[in-house]
Amino acid sequence: MNNKDCVHDIIRQLSPGNRSRQFRGQISRYELPLEFQKYLHVLGPTPKRCLETLTDLGLSDADIARYYNMPRRAVTDLRQIWKIDGIV
C-alpha cells in the first residue's frame, strides 16, 4: 500500500458513519469512582477528549477546574486515571 492509499484509508475510516477504533483498556465512565462520575457530565458527552483538548491547549488543572466550576483535584485525578499529560 502506498502513502496515497494509506491516507485514503484513514479518511474512509474517520468519515461520517465510521467510528475510529476504541482503544482496549479504556476506562468506562461507570468504572470511575462516584466522586468523579458526578463531574463527567460537566465536561460534555466526551469528557476524556474534552480534557485532552484543554490540556493540549496548555490549560492547567486549576484553569480547567475554574472554568468548569469543579475541584482542581478532580481534574488532576481524572488526568492521571486517563493518562493525560499536561500542566498540573
Protein backbone atom coordinates (compact mmCIF):
# COMPACT_ATOMS: atom_id res chain seq x y z
CA MET A 1 0.00 0.00 0.00
CA ASN A 2 1.47 3.33 -0.95
CA ASN A 3 1.19 6.55 1.03
CA LYS A 4 -1.77 7.83 -1.01
CA ASP A 5 -3.76 4.64 -0.34
CA CYS A 6 -2.93 4.87 3.35
CA VAL A 7 -4.25 8.45 3.53
CA HIS A 8 -7.46 7.49 1.73
CA ASP A 9 -7.92 4.51 4.06
CA ILE A 10 -7.57 6.78 7.12
CA ILE A 11 -10.03 9.30 5.66
CA ARG A 12 -12.50 6.49 4.91
CA GLN A 13 -12.25 5.14 8.47
CA LEU A 14 -12.82 8.55 10.03
CA SER A 15 -15.59 9.65 7.67
CA PRO A 16 -19.15 10.09 8.99
CA GLY A 17 -20.70 6.78 9.94
CA ASN A 18 -17.34 5.10 10.55
CA ARG A 19 -16.05 5.45 14.06
CA SER A 20 -12.41 5.28 14.95
CA ARG A 21 -11.44 2.18 16.87
CA GLN A 22 -11.74 2.22 20.62
CA PHE A 23 -8.52 1.52 22.49
CA ARG A 24 -8.56 -1.58 24.63
CA GLY A 25 -8.22 -0.96 28.29
CA GLN A 26 -10.14 2.31 28.11
CA ILE A 27 -11.85 3.07 31.39
CA SER A 28 -15.62 3.34 31.18
CA ARG A 29 -17.31 6.21 32.95
CA TYR A 30 -19.09 3.70 35.21
CA GLU A 31 -15.78 2.17 36.31
CA LEU A 32 -14.70 5.51 37.77
CA PRO A 33 -15.31 6.25 41.45
CA LEU A 34 -18.60 8.03 42.16
CA GLU A 35 -16.79 11.21 43.20
CA PHE A 36 -15.53 11.57 39.60
CA GLN A 37 -18.68 10.39 37.83
CA LYS A 38 -20.59 13.42 39.08
CA TYR A 39 -18.18 15.74 37.22
CA LEU A 40 -18.15 13.92 33.89
CA HIS A 41 -21.41 15.47 32.65
CA VAL A 42 -19.86 18.92 33.17
CA LEU A 43 -17.13 18.04 30.64
CA GLY A 44 -19.70 17.13 27.98
CA PRO A 45 -20.53 13.95 26.04
CA THR A 46 -16.84 13.07 25.57
CA PRO A 47 -15.19 14.06 28.86
CA LYS A 48 -11.83 12.39 28.18
CA ARG A 49 -11.47 14.02 24.77
CA CYS A 50 -12.52 17.37 26.25
CA LEU A 51 -9.88 17.10 28.97
CA GLU A 52 -7.24 16.03 26.43
CA THR A 53 -8.07 19.00 24.21
CA LEU A 54 -7.97 21.57 27.01
CA THR A 55 -4.69 20.12 28.26
CA ASP A 56 -3.22 20.21 24.74
CA LEU A 57 -4.19 23.87 24.55
CA GLY A 58 -1.98 24.48 27.56
CA LEU A 59 -4.59 24.99 30.27
CA SER A 60 -3.54 23.92 33.75
CA ASP A 61 -5.70 21.79 36.02
CA ALA A 62 -6.55 24.92 38.02
CA ASP A 63 -7.69 26.74 34.84
CA ILE A 64 -9.86 23.82 33.74
CA ALA A 65 -11.34 23.42 37.23
CA ARG A 66 -12.13 27.12 37.48
CA TYR A 67 -13.80 27.17 34.04
CA TYR A 68 -15.98 24.13 34.78
CA ASN A 69 -16.54 25.03 38.47
CA MET A 70 -15.18 21.75 39.78
CA PRO A 71 -12.40 20.88 42.25
CA ARG A 72 -8.87 21.06 40.85
CA ARG A 73 -8.11 17.71 42.48
CA ALA A 74 -10.87 16.07 40.41
CA VAL A 75 -9.30 17.37 37.18
CA THR A 76 -5.85 16.17 38.27
CA ASP A 77 -7.14 12.73 39.27
CA LEU A 78 -9.10 12.30 36.01
CA ARG A 79 -5.98 13.21 34.03
CA GLN A 80 -3.98 10.63 35.97
CA ILE A 81 -6.62 7.93 35.50
CA TRP A 82 -6.83 8.61 31.75
CA LYS A 83 -3.04 9.11 31.46
CA ILE A 84 -3.30 12.62 30.03
CA ASP A 85 -0.04 14.58 30.25
CA GLY A 86 -0.09 18.31 30.84
CA ILE A 87 0.36 21.16 33.28
CA VAL A 88 -0.73 20.33 36.82
